[in-house]
Amino acid sequence: METDQNGTDTYDGRNDGDAGQISVALPHDAMIHEDRDESTKNQHQTGYYPGCVYQYCKTFFAPAEWENRKVIIEFEGVYQHAQVYVLNAIKTI
């Protein structure tokens, strides 16, 4: 993974049901922090991890020369139901 223009590849991550955030380096598997449960919906397909909605947040500085230009944000691995927000507006991926 390449680092961003700020020289870091860490993100703030959290389970949607948790109040706090943790600093994580990507790639990151959020489910491994959950307690396993044999009665979980997907059972062995998810290793008995219940899964949740997870958020990864990244704030970075956009230089002035980016204004009125097309900017591409590349994700090397994103789950099928991912949603990306830029300036608080959802973007299609």
PDB file of N, CA and C in Angstrom:
ATOM      1  N   MET A   1       0.837  -1.179   0.000  1.00  0.00           N
ATOM      2  CA  MET A   1       0.000   0.000   0.000  1.00  0.00           C
ATOM      3  C   MET A   1       0.878   1.236   0.000  1.00  0.00           C
ATOM      4  N   GLU A   2       0.550   2.189  -0.832  1.00  0.00           N
ATOM      5  CA  GLU A   2       1.265   3.448  -0.853  1.00  0.00           C
ATOM      6  C   GLU A   2       0.688   4.366   0.217  1.00  0.00           C
ATOM      7  N   THR A   3       1.543   5.200   0.749  1.00  0.00           N
ATOM      8  CA  THR A   3       1.040   6.166   1.716  1.00  0.00           C
ATOM      9  C   THR A   3       0.451   7.360   0.975  1.00  0.00           C
ATOM     10  N   ASP A   4      -0.421   8.081   1.637  1.00  0.00           N
ATOM     11  CA  ASP A   4      -1.036   9.246   1.007  1.00  0.00           C
ATOM     12  C   ASP A   4      -0.075  10.431   1.032  1.00  0.00           C
ATOM     13  N   GLN A   5      -0.517  11.550   0.500  1.00  0.00           N
ATOM     14  CA  GLN A   5       0.363  12.708   0.404  1.00  0.00           C
ATOM     15  C   GLN A   5       0.734  13.260   1.773  1.00  0.00           C
ATOM     16  N   ASN A   6       0.018  12.846   2.820  1.00  0.00           N
ATOM     17  CA  ASN A   6       0.362  13.268   4.173  1.00  0.00           C
ATOM     18  C   ASN A   6       1.386  12.333   4.812  1.00  0.00           C
ATOM     19  N   GLY A   7       1.801  11.284   4.084  1.00  0.00           N
ATOM     20  CA  GLY A   7       2.814  10.369   4.578  1.00  0.00           C
ATOM     21  C   GLY A   7       2.306   9.335   5.559  1.00  0.00           C
ATOM     22  N   THR A   8       1.027   9.015   5.532  1.00  0.00           N
ATOM     23  CA  THR A   8       0.472   8.058   6.482  1.00  0.00           C
ATOM     24  C   THR A   8      -0.526   7.137   5.807  1.00  0.00           C
ATOM     25  N   ASP A   9      -0.631   5.922   6.299  1.00  0.00           N
ATOM     26  CA  ASP A   9      -1.646   4.999   5.792  1.00  0.00           C
ATOM     27  C   ASP A   9      -2.558   4.544   6.924  1.00  0.00           C
ATOM     28  N   THR A  10      -2.676   5.353   7.972  1.00  0.00           N
ATOM     29  CA  THR A  10      -3.557   5.014   9.083  1.00  0.00           C
ATOM     30  C   THR A  10      -4.887   5.745   8.946  1.00  0.00           C
ATOM     31  N   TYR A  11      -5.916   5.088   9.455  1.00  0.00           N
ATOM     32  CA  TYR A  11      -7.283   5.600   9.400  1.00  0.00           C
ATOM     33  C   TYR A  11      -7.883   5.507  10.782  1.00  0.00           C
ATOM     34  N   ASP A  12      -8.908   6.294  11.039  1.00  0.00           N
ATOM     35  CA  ASP A  12      -9.707   6.126  12.243  1.00  0.00           C
ATOM     36  C   ASP A  12     -10.795   5.124  11.906  1.00  0.00           C
ATOM     37  N   GLY A  13     -10.881   4.069  12.689  1.00  0.00           N
ATOM     38  CA  GLY A  13     -11.876   3.038  12.429  1.00  0.00           C
ATOM     39  C   GLY A  13     -12.743   2.808  13.642  1.00  0.00           C
ATOM     40  N   ARG A  14     -13.980   2.369  13.382  1.00  0.00           N
ATOM     41  CA  ARG A  14     -14.856   2.033  14.501  1.00  0.00           C
ATOM     42  C   ARG A  14     -16.001   1.169  14.015  1.00  0.00           C
ATOM     43  N   ASN A  15     -16.530   0.383  14.943  1.00  0.00           N
ATOM     44  CA  ASN A  15     -17.764  -0.368  14.744  1.00  0.00           C
ATOM     45  C   ASN A  15     -18.888   0.636  14.905  1.00  0.00           C
ATOM     46  N   ASP A  16     -19.875   0.594  14.043  1.00  0.00           N
ATOM     47  CA  ASP A  16     -20.952   1.581  14.064  1.00  0.00           C
ATOM     48  C   ASP A  16     -21.673   1.642  15.414  1.00  0.00           C
ATOM     49  N   GLY A  17     -21.604   0.566  16.207  1.00  0.00           N
ATOM     50  CA  GLY A  17     -22.265   0.558  17.505  1.00  0.00           C
ATOM     51  C   GLY A  17     -21.393   1.059  18.639  1.00  0.00           C
ATOM     52  N   ASP A  18     -20.104   1.314  18.359  1.00  0.00           N
ATOM     53  CA  ASP A  18     -19.179   1.772  19.388  1.00  0.00           C
ATOM     54  C   ASP A  18     -19.065   3.284  19.379  1.00  0.00           C
ATOM     55  N   ALA A  19     -18.816   3.840  20.552  1.00  0.00           N
ATOM     56  CA  ALA A  19     -18.675   5.292  20.644  1.00  0.00           C
ATOM     57  C   ALA A  19     -17.271   5.741  20.281  1.00  0.00           C
ATOM     58  N   GLY A  20     -16.259   4.923  20.583  1.00  0.00           N
ATOM     59  CA  GLY A  20     -14.876   5.323  20.371  1.00  0.00           C
ATOM     60  C   GLY A  20     -14.316   4.898  19.032  1.00  0.00           C
ATOM     61  N   GLN A  21     -13.190   5.480  18.683  1.00  0.00           N
ATOM     62  CA  GLN A  21     -12.487   5.125  17.460  1.00  0.00           C
ATOM     63  C   GLN A  21     -11.113   4.602  17.816  1.00  0.00           C
ATOM     64  N   ILE A  22     -10.571   3.774  16.938  1.00  0.00           N
ATOM     65  CA  ILE A  22      -9.207   3.296  17.094  1.00  0.00           C
ATOM     66  C   ILE A  22      -8.439   3.648  15.828  1.00  0.00           C
ATOM     67  N   SER A  23      -7.150   3.818  15.958  1.00  0.00           N
ATOM     68  CA  SER A  23      -6.311   4.084  14.795  1.00  0.00           C
ATOM     69  C   SER A  23      -5.894   2.744  14.216  1.00  0.00           C
ATOM     70  N   VAL A  24      -6.145   2.549  12.926  1.00  0.00           N
ATOM     71  CA  VAL A  24      -5.826   1.282  12.276  1.00  0.00           C
ATOM     72  C   VAL A  24      -5.013   1.537  11.018  1.00  0.00           C
ATOM     73  N   ALA A  25      -4.179   0.574  10.671  1.00  0.00           N
ATOM     74  CA  ALA A  25      -3.442   0.607   9.407  1.00  0.00           C
ATOM     75  C   ALA A  25      -4.144  -0.343   8.453  1.00  0.00           C
ATOM     76  N   LEU A  26      -4.347   0.089   7.238  1.00  0.00           N
ATOM     77  CA  LEU A  26      -5.008  -0.752   6.240  1.00  0.00           C
ATOM     78  C   LEU A  26      -3.968  -1.564   5.487  1.00  0.00           C
ATOM     79  N   PRO A  27      -4.274  -2.792   5.072  1.00  0.00           N
ATOM     80  CA  PRO A  27      -5.575  -3.451   5.204  1.00  0.00           C
ATOM     81  C   PRO A  27      -5.860  -3.838   6.656  1.00  0.00           C
ATOM     82  N   HIS A  28      -7.137  -3.882   6.997  1.00  0.00           N
ATOM     83  CA  HIS A  28      -7.574  -4.145   8.368  1.00  0.00           C
ATOM     84  C   HIS A  28      -8.833  -4.988   8.329  1.00  0.00           C
ATOM     85  N   ASP A  29      -8.913  -5.997   9.179  1.00  0.00           N
ATOM     86  CA  ASP A  29     -10.105  -6.839   9.282  1.00  0.00           C
ATOM     87  C   ASP A  29     -10.816  -6.501  10.578  1.00  0.00           C
ATOM     88  N   ALA A  30     -11.852  -5.692  10.480  1.00  0.00           N
ATOM     89  CA  ALA A  30     -12.561  -5.214  11.666  1.00  0.00           C
ATOM     90  C   ALA A  30     -13.251  -6.332  12.427  1.00  0.00           C
ATOM     91  N   MET A  31     -13.693  -7.375  11.731  1.00  0.00           N
ATOM     92  CA  MET A  31     -14.463  -8.437  12.382  1.00  0.00           C
ATOM     93  C   MET A  31     -13.660  -9.197  13.426  1.00  0.00           C
ATOM     94  N   ILE A  32     -12.334  -9.244  13.307  1.00  0.00           N
ATOM     95  CA  ILE A  32     -11.555 -10.037  14.259  1.00  0.00           C
ATOM     96  C   ILE A  32     -11.616  -9.482  15.675  1.00  0.00           C
ATOM     97  N   HIS A  33     -12.118  -8.274  15.832  1.00  0.00           N
ATOM     98  CA  HIS A  33     -12.258  -7.684  17.163  1.00  0.00           C
ATOM     99  C   HIS A  33     -13.615  -7.998  17.792  1.00  0.00           C
ATOM    100  N   GLU A  34     -14.471  -8.668  17.050  1.00  0.00           N
ATOM    101  CA  GLU A  34     -15.795  -9.048  17.561  1.00  0.00           C
ATOM    102  C   GLU A  34     -15.694 -10.378  18.309  1.00  0.00           C
ATOM    103  N   ASP A  35     -16.631 -10.638  19.206  1.00  0.00           N
ATOM    104  CA  ASP A  35     -16.701 -11.925  19.891  1.00  0.00           C
ATOM    105  C   ASP A  35     -17.384 -12.931  18.977  1.00  0.00           C
ATOM    106  N   ARG A  36     -16.818 -14.121  18.877  1.00  0.00           N
ATOM    107  CA  ARG A  36     -17.428 -15.168  18.055  1.00  0.00           C
ATOM    108  C   ARG A  36     -18.720 -15.653  18.708  1.00  0.00           C
ATOM    109  N   ASP A  37     -19.668 -16.039  17.856  1.00  0.00           N
ATOM    110  CA  ASP A  37     -20.972 -16.483  18.328  1.00  0.00           C
ATOM    111  C   ASP A  37     -21.488 -17.554  17.384  1.00  0.00           C
ATOM    112  N   GLU A  38     -21.683 -18.769  17.904  1.00  0.00           N
ATOM    113  CA  GLU A  38     -22.141 -19.878  17.064  1.00  0.00           C
ATOM    114  C   GLU A  38     -23.511 -19.634  16.456  1.00  0.00           C
ATOM    115  N   SER A  39     -24.314 -18.765  17.049  1.00  0.00           N
ATOM    116  CA  SER A  39     -25.653 -18.525  16.525  1.00  0.00           C
ATOM    117  C   SER A  39     -25.699 -17.355  15.536  1.00  0.00           C
ATOM    118  N   THR A  40     -24.536 -16.832  15.159  1.00  0.00           N
ATOM    119  CA  THR A  40     -24.522 -15.714  14.214  1.00  0.00           C
ATOM    120  C   THR A  40     -25.132 -16.121  12.876  1.00  0.00           C
ATOM    121  N   LYS A  41     -25.724 -15.173  12.180  1.00  0.00           N
ATOM    122  CA  LYS A  41     -26.471 -15.423  10.949  1.00  0.00           C
ATOM    123  C   LYS A  41     -25.677 -16.210   9.890  1.00  0.00           C
ATOM    124  N   ASN A  42     -24.444 -15.847   9.651  1.00  0.00           N
ATOM    125  CA  ASN A  42     -23.652 -16.485   8.596  1.00  0.00           C
ATOM    126  C   ASN A  42     -22.796 -17.646   9.089  1.00  0.00           C
ATOM    127  N   GLN A  43     -22.879 -17.956  10.340  1.00  0.00           N
ATOM    128  CA  GLN A  43     -22.200 -19.079  10.975  1.00  0.00           C
ATOM    129  C   GLN A  43     -20.764 -19.261  10.494  1.00  0.00           C
ATOM    130  N   HIS A  44     -20.428 -20.449   9.969  1.00  0.00           N
ATOM    131  CA  HIS A  44     -19.040 -20.752   9.630  1.00  0.00           C
ATOM    132  C   HIS A  44     -18.509 -19.947   8.443  1.00  0.00           C
ATOM    133  N   GLN A  45     -19.392 -19.381   7.598  1.00  0.00           N
ATOM    134  CA  GLN A  45     -18.910 -18.608   6.455  1.00  0.00           C
ATOM    135  C   GLN A  45     -18.153 -17.350   6.903  1.00  0.00           C
ATOM    136  N   THR A  46     -18.444 -16.870   8.080  1.00  0.00           N
ATOM    137  CA  THR A  46     -17.739 -15.698   8.610  1.00  0.00           C
ATOM    138  C   THR A  46     -16.907 -16.058   9.838  1.00  0.00           C
ATOM    139  N   GLY A  47     -16.597 -17.337  10.005  1.00  0.00           N
ATOM    140  CA  GLY A  47     -15.802 -17.758  11.159  1.00  0.00           C
ATOM    141  C   GLY A  47     -16.529 -17.555  12.472  1.00  0.00           C
ATOM    142  N   TYR A  48     -17.864 -17.530  12.430  1.00  0.00           N
ATOM    143  CA  TYR A  48     -18.726 -17.306  13.591  1.00  0.00           C
ATOM    144  C   TYR A  48     -18.594 -15.890  14.158  1.00  0.00           C
ATOM    145  N   TYR A  49     -18.031 -14.983  13.368  1.00  0.00           N
ATOM    146  CA  TYR A  49     -18.011 -13.575  13.768  1.00  0.00           C
ATOM    147  C   TYR A  49     -19.333 -12.949  13.335  1.00  0.00           C
ATOM    148  N   PRO A  50     -19.964 -12.157  14.206  1.00  0.00           N
ATOM    149  CA  PRO A  50     -21.275 -11.612  13.857  1.00  0.00           C
ATOM    150  C   PRO A  50     -21.232 -10.537  12.772  1.00  0.00           C
ATOM    151  N   GLY A  51     -20.169  -9.807  12.672  1.00  0.00           N
ATOM    152  CA  GLY A  51     -20.109  -8.724  11.685  1.00  0.00           C
ATOM    153  C   GLY A  51     -20.987  -7.559  12.098  1.00  0.00           C
ATOM    154  N   CYS A  52     -20.665  -6.413  11.629  1.00  0.00           N
ATOM    155  CA  CYS A  52     -21.389  -5.186  11.947  1.00  0.00           C
ATOM    156  C   CYS A  52     -21.183  -4.222  10.794  1.00  0.00           C
ATOM    157  N   VAL A  53     -21.581  -2.998  10.999  1.00  0.00           N
ATOM    158  CA  VAL A  53     -21.268  -1.932  10.064  1.00  0.00           C
ATOM    159  C   VAL A  53     -20.015  -1.254  10.610  1.00  0.00           C
ATOM    160  N   TYR A  54     -18.992  -1.168   9.783  1.00  0.00           N
ATOM    161  CA  TYR A  54     -17.725  -0.579  10.207  1.00  0.00           C
ATOM    162  C   TYR A  54     -17.460   0.683   9.411  1.00  0.00           C
ATOM    163  N   GLN A  55     -16.834   1.647  10.063  1.00  0.00           N
ATOM    164  CA  GLN A  55     -16.497   2.900   9.401  1.00  0.00           C
ATOM    165  C   GLN A  55     -15.001   3.129   9.479  1.00  0.00           C
ATOM    166  N   TYR A  56     -14.442   3.571   8.371  1.00  0.00           N
ATOM    167  CA  TYR A  56     -13.054   4.010   8.330  1.00  0.00           C
ATOM    168  C   TYR A  56     -13.073   5.454   7.852  1.00  0.00           C
ATOM    169  N   CYS A  57     -12.448   6.329   8.598  1.00  0.00           N
ATOM    170  CA  CYS A  57     -12.468   7.750   8.265  1.00  0.00           C
ATOM    171  C   CYS A  57     -11.047   8.235   8.013  1.00  0.00           C
ATOM    172  N   LYS A  58     -10.923   9.040   6.991  1.00  0.00           N
ATOM    173  CA  LYS A  58      -9.620   9.613   6.646  1.00  0.00           C
ATOM    174  C   LYS A  58      -9.836  11.083   6.315  1.00  0.00           C
ATOM    175  N   THR A  59      -9.071  11.940   6.930  1.00  0.00           N
ATOM    176  CA  THR A  59      -9.105  13.362   6.633  1.00  0.00           C
ATOM    177  C   THR A  59      -7.753  13.732   6.048  1.00  0.00           C
ATOM    178  N   PHE A  60      -7.777  14.427   4.934  1.00  0.00           N
ATOM    179  CA  PHE A  60      -6.512  14.849   4.340  1.00  0.00           C
ATOM    180  C   PHE A  60      -6.661  16.228   3.717  1.00  0.00           C
ATOM    181  N   PHE A  61      -5.555  16.862   3.510  1.00  0.00           N
ATOM    182  CA  PHE A  61      -5.504  18.196   2.947  1.00  0.00           C
ATOM    183  C   PHE A  61      -5.513  18.108   1.425  1.00  0.00           C
ATOM    184  N   ALA A  62      -6.389  18.855   0.784  1.00  0.00           N
ATOM    185  CA  ALA A  62      -6.431  18.946  -0.672  1.00  0.00           C
ATOM    186  C   ALA A  62      -5.807  20.280  -1.074  1.00  0.00           C
ATOM    187  N   PRO A  63      -4.678  20.246  -1.782  1.00  0.00           N
ATOM    188  CA  PRO A  63      -4.025  21.500  -2.156  1.00  0.00           C
ATOM    189  C   PRO A  63      -4.873  22.342  -3.106  1.00  0.00           C
ATOM    190  N   ALA A  64      -4.639  23.620  -3.116  1.00  0.00           N
ATOM    191  CA  ALA A  64      -5.419  24.551  -3.938  1.00  0.00           C
ATOM    192  C   ALA A  64      -5.384  24.192  -5.415  1.00  0.00           C
ATOM    193  N   GLU A  65      -4.288  23.630  -5.901  1.00  0.00           N
ATOM    194  CA  GLU A  65      -4.198  23.290  -7.328  1.00  0.00           C
ATOM    195  C   GLU A  65      -5.141  22.153  -7.730  1.00  0.00           C
ATOM    196  N   TRP A  66      -5.755  21.479  -6.771  1.00  0.00           N
ATOM    197  CA  TRP A  66      -6.750  20.442  -7.093  1.00  0.00           C
ATOM    198  C   TRP A  66      -8.109  21.045  -7.448  1.00  0.00           C
ATOM    199  N   GLU A  67      -8.336  22.280  -7.095  1.00  0.00           N
ATOM    200  CA  GLU A  67      -9.638  22.904  -7.354  1.00  0.00           C
ATOM    201  C   GLU A  67      -9.937  22.896  -8.850  1.00  0.00           C
ATOM    202  N   ASN A  68     -11.188  22.535  -9.181  1.00  0.00           N
ATOM    203  CA  ASN A  68     -11.676  22.449 -10.563  1.00  0.00           C
ATOM    204  C   ASN A  68     -10.939  21.395 -11.389  1.00  0.00           C
ATOM    205  N   ARG A  69     -10.364  20.404 -10.727  1.00  0.00           N
ATOM    206  CA  ARG A  69      -9.698  19.311 -11.416  1.00  0.00           C
ATOM    207  C   ARG A  69     -10.334  17.996 -10.985  1.00  0.00           C
ATOM    208  N   LYS A  70     -10.224  17.005 -11.817  1.00  0.00           N
ATOM    209  CA  LYS A  70     -10.713  15.671 -11.481  1.00  0.00           C
ATOM    210  C   LYS A  70      -9.700  15.014 -10.551  1.00  0.00           C
ATOM    211  N   VAL A  71     -10.184  14.542  -9.413  1.00  0.00           N
ATOM    212  CA  VAL A  71      -9.335  13.881  -8.422  1.00  0.00           C
ATOM    213  C   VAL A  71      -9.832  12.457  -8.273  1.00  0.00           C
ATOM    214  N   ILE A  72      -8.933  11.496  -8.362  1.00  0.00           N
ATOM    215  CA  ILE A  72      -9.289  10.080  -8.254  1.00  0.00           C
ATOM    216  C   ILE A  72      -8.803   9.548  -6.918  1.00  0.00           C
ATOM    217  N   ILE A  73      -9.699   8.894  -6.195  1.00  0.00           N
ATOM    218  CA  ILE A  73      -9.350   8.216  -4.949  1.00  0.00           C
ATOM    219  C   ILE A  73      -9.456   6.725  -5.219  1.00  0.00           C
ATOM    220  N   GLU A  74      -8.364   6.007  -5.051  1.00  0.00           N
ATOM    221  CA  GLU A  74      -8.322   4.584  -5.381  1.00  0.00           C
ATOM    222  C   GLU A  74      -8.355   3.745  -4.107  1.00  0.00           C
ATOM    223  N   PHE A  75      -9.215   2.719  -4.120  1.00  0.00           N
ATOM    224  CA  PHE A  75      -9.307   1.759  -3.028  1.00  0.00           C
ATOM    225  C   PHE A  75      -8.852   0.409  -3.566  1.00  0.00           C
ATOM    226  N   GLU A  76      -7.891  -0.205  -2.908  1.00  0.00           N
ATOM    227  CA  GLU A  76      -7.358  -1.473  -3.396  1.00  0.00           C
ATOM    228  C   GLU A  76      -8.190  -2.670  -2.951  1.00  0.00           C
ATOM    229  N   GLY A  77      -9.013  -2.525  -1.970  1.00  0.00           N
ATOM    230  CA  GLY A  77      -9.851  -3.614  -1.507  1.00  0.00           C
ATOM    231  C   GLY A  77     -10.999  -3.059  -0.695  1.00  0.00           C
ATOM    232  N   VAL A  78     -12.209  -3.177  -1.227  1.00  0.00           N
ATOM    233  CA  VAL A  78     -13.385  -2.619  -0.561  1.00  0.00           C
ATOM    234  C   VAL A  78     -14.483  -3.670  -0.599  1.00  0.00           C
ATOM    235  N   TYR A  79     -15.175  -3.860   0.514  1.00  0.00           N
ATOM    236  CA  TYR A  79     -16.267  -4.821   0.570  1.00  0.00           C
ATOM    237  C   TYR A  79     -17.398  -4.398  -0.350  1.00  0.00           C
ATOM    238  N   GLN A  80     -18.173  -5.357  -0.792  1.00  0.00           N
ATOM    239  CA  GLN A  80     -19.192  -5.135  -1.821  1.00  0.00           C
ATOM    240  C   GLN A  80     -20.254  -4.100  -1.476  1.00  0.00           C
ATOM    241  N   HIS A  81     -20.485  -3.833  -0.213  1.00  0.00           N
ATOM    242  CA  HIS A  81     -21.528  -2.873   0.169  1.00  0.00           C
ATOM    243  C   HIS A  81     -20.938  -1.555   0.658  1.00  0.00           C
ATOM    244  N   ALA A  82     -19.709  -1.261   0.277  1.00  0.00           N
ATOM    245  CA  ALA A  82     -19.032  -0.056   0.763  1.00  0.00           C
ATOM    246  C   ALA A  82     -19.695   1.207   0.237  1.00  0.00           C
ATOM    247  N   GLN A  83     -19.673   2.220   1.064  1.00  0.00           N
ATOM    248  CA  GLN A  83     -20.141   3.543   0.676  1.00  0.00           C
ATOM    249  C   GLN A  83     -19.029   4.535   0.971  1.00  0.00           C
ATOM    250  N   VAL A  84     -18.809   5.453   0.066  1.00  0.00           N
ATOM    251  CA  VAL A  84     -17.759   6.451   0.224  1.00  0.00           C
ATOM    252  C   VAL A  84     -18.404   7.827   0.263  1.00  0.00           C
ATOM    253  N   TYR A  85     -18.021   8.603   1.264  1.00  0.00           N
ATOM    254  CA  TYR A  85     -18.506   9.972   1.409  1.00  0.00           C
ATOM    255  C   TYR A  85     -17.334  10.932   1.214  1.00  0.00           C
ATOM    256  N   VAL A  86     -17.548  11.947   0.412  1.00  0.00           N
ATOM    257  CA  VAL A  86     -16.584  13.018   0.236  1.00  0.00           C
ATOM    258  C   VAL A  86     -17.317  14.320   0.509  1.00  0.00           C
ATOM    259  N   LEU A  87     -16.787  15.106   1.443  1.00  0.00           N
ATOM    260  CA  LEU A  87     -17.452  16.349   1.873  1.00  0.00           C
ATOM    261  C   LEU A  87     -18.891  16.076   2.291  1.00  0.00           C
ATOM    262  N   ASN A  88     -19.091  15.001   3.045  1.00  0.00           N
ATOM    263  CA  ASN A  88     -20.382  14.591   3.610  1.00  0.00           C
ATOM    264  C   ASN A  88     -21.431  14.207   2.572  1.00  0.00           C
ATOM    265  N   ALA A  89     -21.033  13.964   1.333  1.00  0.00           N
ATOM    266  CA  ALA A  89     -21.962  13.521   0.289  1.00  0.00           C
ATOM    267  C   ALA A  89     -21.526  12.143  -0.205  1.00  0.00           C
ATOM    268  N   ILE A  90     -22.484  11.220  -0.342  1.00  0.00           N
ATOM    269  CA  ILE A  90     -22.162   9.872  -0.787  1.00  0.00           C
ATOM    270  C   ILE A  90     -21.757   9.891  -2.265  1.00  0.00           C
ATOM    271  N   LYS A  91     -20.735   9.110  -2.582  1.00  0.00           N
ATOM    272  CA  LYS A  91     -20.237   9.006  -3.951  1.00  0.00           C
ATOM    273  C   LYS A  91     -20.409   7.573  -4.437  1.00  0.00           C
ATOM    274  N   THR A  92     -20.609   7.393  -5.702  1.00  0.00           N
ATOM    275  CA  THR A  92     -20.761   6.069  -6.293  1.00  0.00           C
ATOM    276  C   THR A  92     -19.398   5.437  -6.479  1.00  0.00           C
ATOM    277  N   ILE A  93     -19.313   4.150  -6.101  1.00  0.00           N
ATOM    278  CA  ILE A  93     -18.058   3.428  -6.351  1.00  0.00           C
ATOM    279  C   ILE A  93     -18.329   2.216  -7.210  1.00  0.00           C
TER     280      ILE A  93
END
